[in-house]
Amino acid sequence: MYPPSQYARLPTEDGEAPPPSVPSKPRLVLFNRSLLRTMVISFGVFLIVLVFGTLARNALGSALIPWSPSPPPPPPLWLLDSPAGGPLVLNIAVISRVDEFDRRKDMRDAIFEGVRPSDVKFEYRFFVGAPQEGPEGERLHSRLLEENKYYNDVMILDNIPDIPERISEKRYMAFKWAGAMSKNDYDYFFTLDSDTFVRLGALARRLPVFLAGKNIKPREQPVLIGRMSVHWVHFLNTIPDGNKDPVDEDEYVRGPWYSYPMGIGYMIG
């Protein structure tokens, strides 16, 4: 068999130098002694810190005062008292879009349900415009009729398109609804937008405190309560009644500054 798997040394003469030796294969060192010493020292330090930390935590834990949450602050006194002079009587108009079915339901549940008659007596309506023409508008109108058949609290303004440009007309119709009632039947007309949350009970209890010393008589005097601002835009009646273009707006001029209520809600006596 060639080549042979092993080679034998040939005999040599006396005095002949031995063949050079083949260097041995280096050994694989699995652990460096210096690294092993460092690891042992680190582990020992870790054990010492762990033991002393546990002892210190146990000693401190036995000396600490148990934590308990602080009690909530007491409610203001006006919130605990019943409204002075009897319940507040309101007519409430909510300006809403025709497709806000879920929002109207949320307002019924969160605002108008559960109000104590000893705090507030009220009547409310949602004011919505007419849906746009087309299949989607017909679907909305049909669903709106079903909603009103169940709740009977939606004023559908068929002659006012339900678009942002005509929102002031919806509020005007809300004023007409409230103005048709006798002023002796309610204290305030309250108008608000559909993105408003109000606590009617808290309002009835807070209002006497807010008006204390002012001798306000909403059934006898013109009163407006709300966030006031000023402006100088005066609109002119330039669009004739019965105009079919829903986005046409009256012209306006700049005139003397005047105050007006702004924001998401205000009350009028």
C-alpha atoms as a PDB file:
ATOM      1  CA  MET A   1       0.000   0.000   0.000  1.00  0.00           C
ATOM      2  CA  TYR A   2       1.485   3.304  -1.025  1.00  0.00           C
ATOM      3  CA  PRO A   3       2.079   5.744   0.482  1.00  0.00           C
ATOM      4  CA  PRO A   4       2.722   3.913   3.747  1.00  0.00           C
ATOM      5  CA  SER A   5       0.713   5.010   6.694  1.00  0.00           C
ATOM      6  CA  GLN A   6       3.787   5.131   8.940  1.00  0.00           C
ATOM      7  CA  TYR A   7       7.459   5.737   8.348  1.00  0.00           C
ATOM      8  CA  ALA A   8      10.246   4.003  10.318  1.00  0.00           C
ATOM      9  CA  ARG A   9      13.604   5.614  11.004  1.00  0.00           C
ATOM     10  CA  LEU A  10      16.439   4.226   9.026  1.00  0.00           C
ATOM     11  CA  PRO A  11      19.478   3.102  10.954  1.00  0.00           C
ATOM     12  CA  THR A  12      22.167   5.787  11.167  1.00  0.00           C
ATOM     13  CA  GLU A  13      25.835   5.626  11.658  1.00  0.00           C
ATOM     14  CA  ASP A  14      27.368   6.363  14.990  1.00  0.00           C
ATOM     15  CA  GLY A  15      27.962  10.051  15.604  1.00  0.00           C
ATOM     16  CA  GLU A  16      25.361  11.193  13.096  1.00  0.00           C
ATOM     17  CA  ALA A  17      23.194  13.996  14.413  1.00  0.00           C
ATOM     18  CA  PRO A  18      19.626  12.996  15.127  1.00  0.00           C
ATOM     19  CA  PRO A  19      16.988  14.397  12.845  1.00  0.00           C
ATOM     20  CA  PRO A  20      15.337  17.594  13.955  1.00  0.00           C
ATOM     21  CA  SER A  21      12.323  17.051  16.230  1.00  0.00           C
ATOM     22  CA  VAL A  22       8.834  18.041  15.026  1.00  0.00           C
ATOM     23  CA  PRO A  23       7.241  20.690  17.275  1.00  0.00           C
ATOM     24  CA  SER A  24       4.293  19.413  19.240  1.00  0.00           C
ATOM     25  CA  LYS A  25       0.736  20.700  18.628  1.00  0.00           C
ATOM     26  CA  PRO A  26      -0.184  23.600  20.974  1.00  0.00           C
ATOM     27  CA  ARG A  27      -2.649  22.703  23.740  1.00  0.00           C
ATOM     28  CA  LEU A  28      -6.050  24.379  23.903  1.00  0.00           C
ATOM     29  CA  VAL A  29      -6.403  26.350  27.145  1.00  0.00           C
ATOM     30  CA  LEU A  30     -10.011  26.464  28.199  1.00  0.00           C
ATOM     31  CA  PHE A  31      -9.602  28.850  31.177  1.00  0.00           C
ATOM     32  CA  ASN A  32      -7.207  31.623  31.677  1.00  0.00           C
ATOM     33  CA  ARG A  33      -6.057  31.616  35.266  1.00  0.00           C
ATOM     34  CA  SER A  34      -6.231  35.382  35.563  1.00  0.00           C
ATOM     35  CA  LEU A  35      -9.762  35.454  34.151  1.00  0.00           C
ATOM     36  CA  LEU A  36     -10.846  32.645  36.463  1.00  0.00           C
ATOM     37  CA  ARG A  37      -9.487  34.496  39.487  1.00  0.00           C
ATOM     38  CA  THR A  38     -11.365  37.661  38.493  1.00  0.00           C
ATOM     39  CA  MET A  39     -14.623  35.741  38.126  1.00  0.00           C
ATOM     40  CA  VAL A  40     -14.248  34.129  41.548  1.00  0.00           C
ATOM     41  CA  ILE A  41     -13.601  37.501  43.209  1.00  0.00           C
ATOM     42  CA  SER A  42     -16.571  39.139  41.458  1.00  0.00           C
ATOM     43  CA  PHE A  43     -18.923  36.348  42.479  1.00  0.00           C
ATOM     44  CA  GLY A  44     -17.740  36.624  46.070  1.00  0.00           C
ATOM     45  CA  VAL A  45     -18.370  40.368  46.122  1.00  0.00           C
ATOM     46  CA  PHE A  46     -21.851  39.788  44.643  1.00  0.00           C
ATOM     47  CA  LEU A  47     -22.694  37.312  47.411  1.00  0.00           C
ATOM     48  CA  ILE A  48     -21.509  39.708  50.111  1.00  0.00           C
ATOM     49  CA  VAL A  49     -23.602  42.599  48.710  1.00  0.00           C
ATOM     50  CA  LEU A  50     -26.637  40.333  48.377  1.00  0.00           C
ATOM     51  CA  VAL A  51     -26.415  39.101  51.960  1.00  0.00           C
ATOM     52  CA  PHE A  52     -25.895  42.569  53.500  1.00  0.00           C
ATOM     53  CA  GLY A  53     -28.605  44.079  51.266  1.00  0.00           C
ATOM     54  CA  THR A  54     -31.129  41.492  52.415  1.00  0.00           C
ATOM     55  CA  LEU A  55     -30.256  42.069  56.068  1.00  0.00           C
ATOM     56  CA  ALA A  56     -30.520  45.851  55.694  1.00  0.00           C
ATOM     57  CA  ARG A  57     -33.866  45.642  53.888  1.00  0.00           C
ATOM     58  CA  ASN A  58     -35.333  43.419  56.594  1.00  0.00           C
ATOM     59  CA  ALA A  59     -34.097  45.745  59.323  1.00  0.00           C
ATOM     60  CA  LEU A  60     -35.505  48.859  57.631  1.00  0.00           C
ATOM     61  CA  GLY A  61     -38.778  47.168  56.717  1.00  0.00           C
ATOM     62  CA  SER A  62     -39.569  46.401  60.324  1.00  0.00           C
ATOM     63  CA  ALA A  63     -38.947  50.035  61.325  1.00  0.00           C
ATOM     64  CA  LEU A  64     -40.975  51.761  58.541  1.00  0.00           C
ATOM     65  CA  ILE A  65     -44.521  53.036  59.138  1.00  0.00           C
ATOM     66  CA  PRO A  66     -47.061  51.268  56.903  1.00  0.00           C
ATOM     67  CA  TRP A  67     -48.264  53.519  54.045  1.00  0.00           C
ATOM     68  CA  SER A  68     -51.928  54.290  53.643  1.00  0.00           C
ATOM     69  CA  PRO A  69     -53.535  56.567  51.045  1.00  0.00           C
ATOM     70  CA  SER A  70     -54.590  59.979  52.246  1.00  0.00           C
ATOM     71  CA  PRO A  71     -58.340  60.557  52.344  1.00  0.00           C
ATOM     72  CA  PRO A  72     -59.830  62.592  49.490  1.00  0.00           C
ATOM     73  CA  PRO A  73     -60.537  66.261  50.187  1.00  0.00           C
ATOM     74  CA  PRO A  74     -64.060  67.005  51.357  1.00  0.00           C
ATOM     75  CA  PRO A  75     -66.492  68.339  48.759  1.00  0.00           C
ATOM     76  CA  PRO A  76     -67.270  72.062  48.826  1.00  0.00           C
ATOM     77  CA  LEU A  77     -70.122  73.079  51.075  1.00  0.00           C
ATOM     78  CA  TRP A  78     -72.216  74.411  48.192  1.00  0.00           C
ATOM     79  CA  LEU A  79     -72.266  70.929  46.638  1.00  0.00           C
ATOM     80  CA  LEU A  80     -73.809  69.478  49.805  1.00  0.00           C
ATOM     81  CA  ASP A  81     -76.615  72.025  50.069  1.00  0.00           C
ATOM     82  CA  SER A  82     -79.853  71.862  48.159  1.00  0.00           C
ATOM     83  CA  PRO A  83     -80.477  74.722  45.708  1.00  0.00           C
ATOM     84  CA  ALA A  84     -81.722  77.786  47.549  1.00  0.00           C
ATOM     85  CA  GLY A  85     -85.285  78.707  46.673  1.00  0.00           C
ATOM     86  CA  GLY A  86     -86.203  75.349  45.172  1.00  0.00           C
ATOM     87  CA  PRO A  87     -85.088  73.493  42.046  1.00  0.00           C
ATOM     88  CA  LEU A  88     -83.598  75.259  39.051  1.00  0.00           C
ATOM     89  CA  VAL A  89     -85.991  75.204  36.085  1.00  0.00           C
ATOM     90  CA  LEU A  90     -84.365  75.017  32.639  1.00  0.00           C
ATOM     91  CA  ASN A  91     -85.327  74.725  28.993  1.00  0.00           C
ATOM     92  CA  ILE A  92     -82.341  73.108  27.284  1.00  0.00           C
ATOM     93  CA  ALA A  93     -81.564  73.160  23.558  1.00  0.00           C
ATOM     94  CA  VAL A  94     -78.706  71.026  22.223  1.00  0.00           C
ATOM     95  CA  ILE A  95     -77.368  71.952  18.769  1.00  0.00           C
ATOM     96  CA  SER A  96     -76.584  68.636  17.095  1.00  0.00           C
ATOM     97  CA  ARG A  97     -75.711  67.196  13.692  1.00  0.00           C
ATOM     98  CA  VAL A  98     -78.107  64.870  11.989  1.00  0.00           C
ATOM     99  CA  ASP A  99     -75.712  61.883  12.098  1.00  0.00           C
ATOM    100  CA  GLU A 100     -74.796  62.155  15.814  1.00  0.00           C
ATOM    101  CA  PHE A 101     -76.963  59.233  16.927  1.00  0.00           C
ATOM    102  CA  ASP A 102     -74.415  57.811  19.386  1.00  0.00           C
ATOM    103  CA  ARG A 103     -73.555  61.209  20.822  1.00  0.00           C
ATOM    104  CA  ARG A 104     -77.187  62.050  21.484  1.00  0.00           C
ATOM    105  CA  LYS A 105     -77.604  58.730  23.269  1.00  0.00           C
ATOM    106  CA  ASP A 106     -74.510  59.425  25.378  1.00  0.00           C
ATOM    107  CA  MET A 107     -75.855  62.841  26.364  1.00  0.00           C
ATOM    108  CA  ARG A 108     -79.189  61.349  27.377  1.00  0.00           C
ATOM    109  CA  ASP A 109     -77.436  58.765  29.554  1.00  0.00           C
ATOM    110  CA  ALA A 110     -74.696  60.982  31.022  1.00  0.00           C
ATOM    111  CA  ILE A 111     -76.458  64.361  31.385  1.00  0.00           C
ATOM    112  CA  PHE A 112     -80.225  64.051  31.351  1.00  0.00           C
ATOM    113  CA  GLU A 113     -80.700  60.774  33.199  1.00  0.00           C
ATOM    114  CA  GLY A 114     -80.575  60.542  36.987  1.00  0.00           C
ATOM    115  CA  VAL A 115     -80.997  64.251  37.748  1.00  0.00           C
ATOM    116  CA  ARG A 116     -82.808  64.726  41.038  1.00  0.00           C
ATOM    117  CA  PRO A 117     -86.047  66.701  40.663  1.00  0.00           C
ATOM    118  CA  SER A 118     -85.212  68.503  43.890  1.00  0.00           C
ATOM    119  CA  ASP A 119     -82.176  69.985  42.098  1.00  0.00           C
ATOM    120  CA  VAL A 120     -83.329  70.621  38.521  1.00  0.00           C
ATOM    121  CA  LYS A 121     -86.543  70.470  36.552  1.00  0.00           C
ATOM    122  CA  PHE A 122     -85.926  70.675  32.838  1.00  0.00           C
ATOM    123  CA  GLU A 123     -87.158  70.058  29.345  1.00  0.00           C
ATOM    124  CA  TYR A 124     -84.696  69.490  26.532  1.00  0.00           C
ATOM    125  CA  ARG A 125     -84.581  69.102  22.761  1.00  0.00           C
ATOM    126  CA  PHE A 126     -81.920  68.247  20.189  1.00  0.00           C
ATOM    127  CA  PHE A 127     -81.995  70.538  17.156  1.00  0.00           C
ATOM    128  CA  VAL A 128     -80.848  69.017  13.867  1.00  0.00           C
ATOM    129  CA  GLY A 129     -81.124  70.141  10.258  1.00  0.00           C
ATOM    130  CA  ALA A 130     -82.311  68.281   7.205  1.00  0.00           C
ATOM    131  CA  PRO A 131     -80.088  65.549   5.745  1.00  0.00           C
ATOM    132  CA  GLN A 132     -78.640  66.128   2.301  1.00  0.00           C
ATOM    133  CA  GLU A 133     -80.350  64.632  -0.707  1.00  0.00           C
ATOM    134  CA  GLY A 134     -79.405  61.194  -1.991  1.00  0.00           C
ATOM    135  CA  PRO A 135     -79.433  57.612  -0.725  1.00  0.00           C
ATOM    136  CA  GLU A 136     -77.284  58.405   2.320  1.00  0.00           C
ATOM    137  CA  GLY A 137     -79.511  61.335   3.239  1.00  0.00           C
ATOM    138  CA  GLU A 138     -82.610  59.163   2.942  1.00  0.00           C
ATOM    139  CA  ARG A 139     -81.020  56.536   5.188  1.00  0.00           C
ATOM    140  CA  LEU A 140     -80.158  59.160   7.814  1.00  0.00           C
ATOM    141  CA  HIS A 141     -83.621  60.678   7.660  1.00  0.00           C
ATOM    142  CA  SER A 142     -85.273  57.292   8.128  1.00  0.00           C
ATOM    143  CA  ARG A 143     -83.039  56.479  11.072  1.00  0.00           C
ATOM    144  CA  LEU A 144     -83.675  59.940  12.555  1.00  0.00           C
ATOM    145  CA  LEU A 145     -87.431  59.389  12.407  1.00  0.00           C
ATOM    146  CA  GLU A 146     -87.021  56.068  14.218  1.00  0.00           C
ATOM    147  CA  GLU A 147     -84.906  57.747  16.901  1.00  0.00           C
ATOM    148  CA  ASN A 148     -87.463  60.493  17.407  1.00  0.00           C
ATOM    149  CA  LYS A 149     -90.298  57.987  17.515  1.00  0.00           C
ATOM    150  CA  TYR A 150     -88.552  56.273  20.424  1.00  0.00           C
ATOM    151  CA  TYR A 151     -87.250  59.302  22.391  1.00  0.00           C
ATOM    152  CA  ASN A 152     -89.463  62.160  21.127  1.00  0.00           C
ATOM    153  CA  ASP A 153     -86.734  64.710  21.919  1.00  0.00           C
ATOM    154  CA  VAL A 154     -85.405  65.732  18.468  1.00  0.00           C
ATOM    155  CA  MET A 155     -86.521  68.854  16.609  1.00  0.00           C
ATOM    156  CA  ILE A 156     -86.004  68.133  12.900  1.00  0.00           C
ATOM    157  CA  LEU A 157     -85.650  71.393  10.963  1.00  0.00           C
ATOM    158  CA  ASP A 158     -86.594  70.273   7.477  1.00  0.00           C
ATOM    159  CA  ASN A 159     -86.089  73.732   5.945  1.00  0.00           C
ATOM    160  CA  ILE A 160     -82.488  74.125   7.191  1.00  0.00           C
ATOM    161  CA  PRO A 161     -79.741  71.973   5.586  1.00  0.00           C
ATOM    162  CA  ASP A 162     -77.596  70.259   8.182  1.00  0.00           C
ATOM    163  CA  ILE A 163     -74.277  71.862   7.214  1.00  0.00           C
ATOM    164  CA  PRO A 164     -71.830  73.996   9.253  1.00  0.00           C
ATOM    165  CA  GLU A 165     -72.721  77.153   7.313  1.00  0.00           C
ATOM    166  CA  ARG A 166     -76.302  77.033   8.662  1.00  0.00           C
ATOM    167  CA  ILE A 167     -75.615  76.235  12.320  1.00  0.00           C
ATOM    168  CA  SER A 168     -76.617  79.734  13.464  1.00  0.00           C
ATOM    169  CA  GLU A 169     -80.070  79.192  11.963  1.00  0.00           C
ATOM    170  CA  LYS A 170     -80.483  76.044  14.038  1.00  0.00           C
ATOM    171  CA  ARG A 171     -79.668  78.024  17.182  1.00  0.00           C
ATOM    172  CA  TYR A 172     -82.122  80.721  16.123  1.00  0.00           C
ATOM    173  CA  MET A 173     -84.858  78.097  15.868  1.00  0.00           C
ATOM    174  CA  ALA A 174     -83.890  76.904  19.337  1.00  0.00           C
ATOM    175  CA  PHE A 175     -84.424  80.442  20.637  1.00  0.00           C
ATOM    176  CA  LYS A 176     -87.857  80.511  19.012  1.00  0.00           C
ATOM    177  CA  TRP A 177     -88.722  77.201  20.683  1.00  0.00           C
ATOM    178  CA  ALA A 178     -87.829  78.591  24.112  1.00  0.00           C
ATOM    179  CA  GLY A 179     -89.448  81.961  23.429  1.00  0.00           C
ATOM    180  CA  ALA A 180     -92.768  80.314  22.699  1.00  0.00           C
ATOM    181  CA  MET A 181     -93.027  79.285  26.366  1.00  0.00           C
ATOM    182  CA  SER A 182     -94.182  81.545  29.138  1.00  0.00           C
ATOM    183  CA  LYS A 183     -91.352  83.216  31.019  1.00  0.00           C
ATOM    184  CA  ASN A 184     -93.106  82.280  34.235  1.00  0.00           C
ATOM    185  CA  ASP A 185     -92.564  78.588  33.533  1.00  0.00           C
ATOM    186  CA  TYR A 186     -88.763  78.452  33.670  1.00  0.00           C
ATOM    187  CA  ASP A 187     -85.716  80.289  35.034  1.00  0.00           C
ATOM    188  CA  TYR A 188     -83.235  80.054  32.149  1.00  0.00           C
ATOM    189  CA  PHE A 189     -83.004  78.956  28.555  1.00  0.00           C
ATOM    190  CA  PHE A 190     -79.805  76.909  28.322  1.00  0.00           C
ATOM    191  CA  THR A 191     -78.270  76.333  24.890  1.00  0.00           C
ATOM    192  CA  LEU A 192     -75.250  74.102  24.416  1.00  0.00           C
ATOM    193  CA  ASP A 193     -73.411  72.204  21.717  1.00  0.00           C
ATOM    194  CA  SER A 194     -73.412  68.438  21.359  1.00  0.00           C
ATOM    195  CA  ASP A 195     -69.768  68.155  22.481  1.00  0.00           C
ATOM    196  CA  THR A 196     -70.631  69.635  25.892  1.00  0.00           C
ATOM    197  CA  PHE A 197     -70.773  67.843  29.232  1.00  0.00           C
ATOM    198  CA  VAL A 198     -72.570  69.534  32.113  1.00  0.00           C
ATOM    199  CA  ARG A 199     -73.537  68.377  35.599  1.00  0.00           C
ATOM    200  CA  LEU A 200     -77.004  69.849  36.008  1.00  0.00           C
ATOM    201  CA  GLY A 201     -77.222  69.061  39.722  1.00  0.00           C
ATOM    202  CA  ALA A 202     -73.897  70.732  40.454  1.00  0.00           C
ATOM    203  CA  LEU A 203     -74.918  73.702  38.293  1.00  0.00           C
ATOM    204  CA  ALA A 204     -78.123  74.179  40.289  1.00  0.00           C
ATOM    205  CA  ARG A 205     -76.214  74.106  43.593  1.00  0.00           C
ATOM    206  CA  ARG A 206     -73.353  76.317  42.417  1.00  0.00           C
ATOM    207  CA  LEU A 207     -75.451  79.005  40.743  1.00  0.00           C
ATOM    208  CA  PRO A 208     -76.883  80.543  43.944  1.00  0.00           C
ATOM    209  CA  VAL A 209     -73.383  80.847  45.349  1.00  0.00           C
ATOM    210  CA  PHE A 210     -72.140  82.462  42.130  1.00  0.00           C
ATOM    211  CA  LEU A 211     -75.049  84.948  42.076  1.00  0.00           C
ATOM    212  CA  ALA A 212     -75.082  85.643  45.814  1.00  0.00           C
ATOM    213  CA  GLY A 213     -75.579  89.336  46.545  1.00  0.00           C
ATOM    214  CA  LYS A 214     -76.398  90.234  42.925  1.00  0.00           C
ATOM    215  CA  ASN A 215     -80.215  90.203  43.274  1.00  0.00           C
ATOM    216  CA  ILE A 216     -80.678  88.366  39.978  1.00  0.00           C
ATOM    217  CA  LYS A 217     -84.275  87.525  39.017  1.00  0.00           C
ATOM    218  CA  PRO A 218     -84.156  85.620  35.716  1.00  0.00           C
ATOM    219  CA  ARG A 219     -87.950  85.472  35.322  1.00  0.00           C
ATOM    220  CA  GLU A 220     -88.220  89.243  35.638  1.00  0.00           C
ATOM    221  CA  GLN A 221     -84.930  90.593  34.266  1.00  0.00           C
ATOM    222  CA  PRO A 222     -82.922  90.014  31.079  1.00  0.00           C
ATOM    223  CA  VAL A 223     -79.988  87.908  32.250  1.00  0.00           C
ATOM    224  CA  LEU A 224     -77.209  86.207  30.282  1.00  0.00           C
ATOM    225  CA  ILE A 225     -74.731  83.880  32.023  1.00  0.00           C
ATOM    226  CA  GLY A 226     -71.803  82.531  30.035  1.00  0.00           C
ATOM    227  CA  ARG A 227     -68.359  83.250  28.727  1.00  0.00           C
ATOM    228  CA  MET A 228     -68.442  86.629  27.055  1.00  0.00           C
ATOM    229  CA  SER A 229     -66.297  87.972  24.244  1.00  0.00           C
ATOM    230  CA  VAL A 230     -66.357  91.024  21.967  1.00  0.00           C
ATOM    231  CA  HIS A 231     -66.452  91.452  18.204  1.00  0.00           C
ATOM    232  CA  TRP A 232     -67.098  94.125  15.588  1.00  0.00           C
ATOM    233  CA  VAL A 233     -68.601  92.101  12.721  1.00  0.00           C
ATOM    234  CA  HIS A 234     -72.190  93.043  11.834  1.00  0.00           C
ATOM    235  CA  PHE A 235     -74.050  90.920   9.274  1.00  0.00           C
ATOM    236  CA  LEU A 236     -76.378  92.484   6.726  1.00  0.00           C
ATOM    237  CA  ASN A 237     -79.541  90.760   5.546  1.00  0.00           C
ATOM    238  CA  THR A 238     -78.475  90.390   1.910  1.00  0.00           C
ATOM    239  CA  ILE A 239     -79.553  86.782   1.275  1.00  0.00           C
ATOM    240  CA  PRO A 240     -83.308  86.622   0.628  1.00  0.00           C
ATOM    241  CA  ASP A 241     -85.476  84.156   2.485  1.00  0.00           C
ATOM    242  CA  GLY A 242     -86.029  80.955   0.569  1.00  0.00           C
ATOM    243  CA  ASN A 243     -82.574  80.995  -1.032  1.00  0.00           C
ATOM    244  CA  LYS A 244     -81.744  77.499  -2.295  1.00  0.00           C
ATOM    245  CA  ASP A 245     -77.948  77.742  -2.113  1.00  0.00           C
ATOM    246  CA  PRO A 246     -77.023  76.406   1.351  1.00  0.00           C
ATOM    247  CA  VAL A 247     -73.558  77.982   1.444  1.00  0.00           C
ATOM    248  CA  ASP A 248     -74.616  81.551   0.595  1.00  0.00           C
ATOM    249  CA  GLU A 249     -73.960  83.891   3.508  1.00  0.00           C
ATOM    250  CA  ASP A 250     -75.012  87.451   4.252  1.00  0.00           C
ATOM    251  CA  GLU A 251     -72.528  90.210   3.722  1.00  0.00           C
ATOM    252  CA  TYR A 252     -70.995  91.832   6.778  1.00  0.00           C
ATOM    253  CA  VAL A 253     -69.443  95.110   7.783  1.00  0.00           C
ATOM    254  CA  ARG A 254     -67.187  96.198  10.595  1.00  0.00           C
ATOM    255  CA  GLY A 255     -68.858  98.406  13.119  1.00  0.00           C
ATOM    256  CA  PRO A 256     -68.836  99.228  16.825  1.00  0.00           C
ATOM    257  CA  TRP A 257     -67.572  96.598  19.213  1.00  0.00           C
ATOM    258  CA  TYR A 258     -70.247  94.550  20.965  1.00  0.00           C
ATOM    259  CA  SER A 259     -70.332  91.781  23.556  1.00  0.00           C
ATOM    260  CA  TYR A 260     -71.626  88.314  22.796  1.00  0.00           C
ATOM    261  CA  PRO A 261     -71.620  84.895  24.478  1.00  0.00           C
ATOM    262  CA  MET A 262     -69.097  82.454  23.114  1.00  0.00           C
ATOM    263  CA  GLY A 263     -68.134  78.879  23.801  1.00  0.00           C
ATOM    264  CA  ILE A 264     -70.093  75.672  24.133  1.00  0.00           C
ATOM    265  CA  GLY A 265     -72.976  76.814  26.329  1.00  0.00           C
ATOM    266  CA  TYR A 266     -74.702  79.765  27.966  1.00  0.00           C
ATOM    267  CA  MET A 267     -77.934  80.562  29.812  1.00  0.00           C
ATOM    268  CA  ILE A 268     -80.434  83.335  29.163  1.00  0.00           C
ATOM    269  CA  GLY A 269     -83.154  84.516  31.540  1.00  0.00           C
END
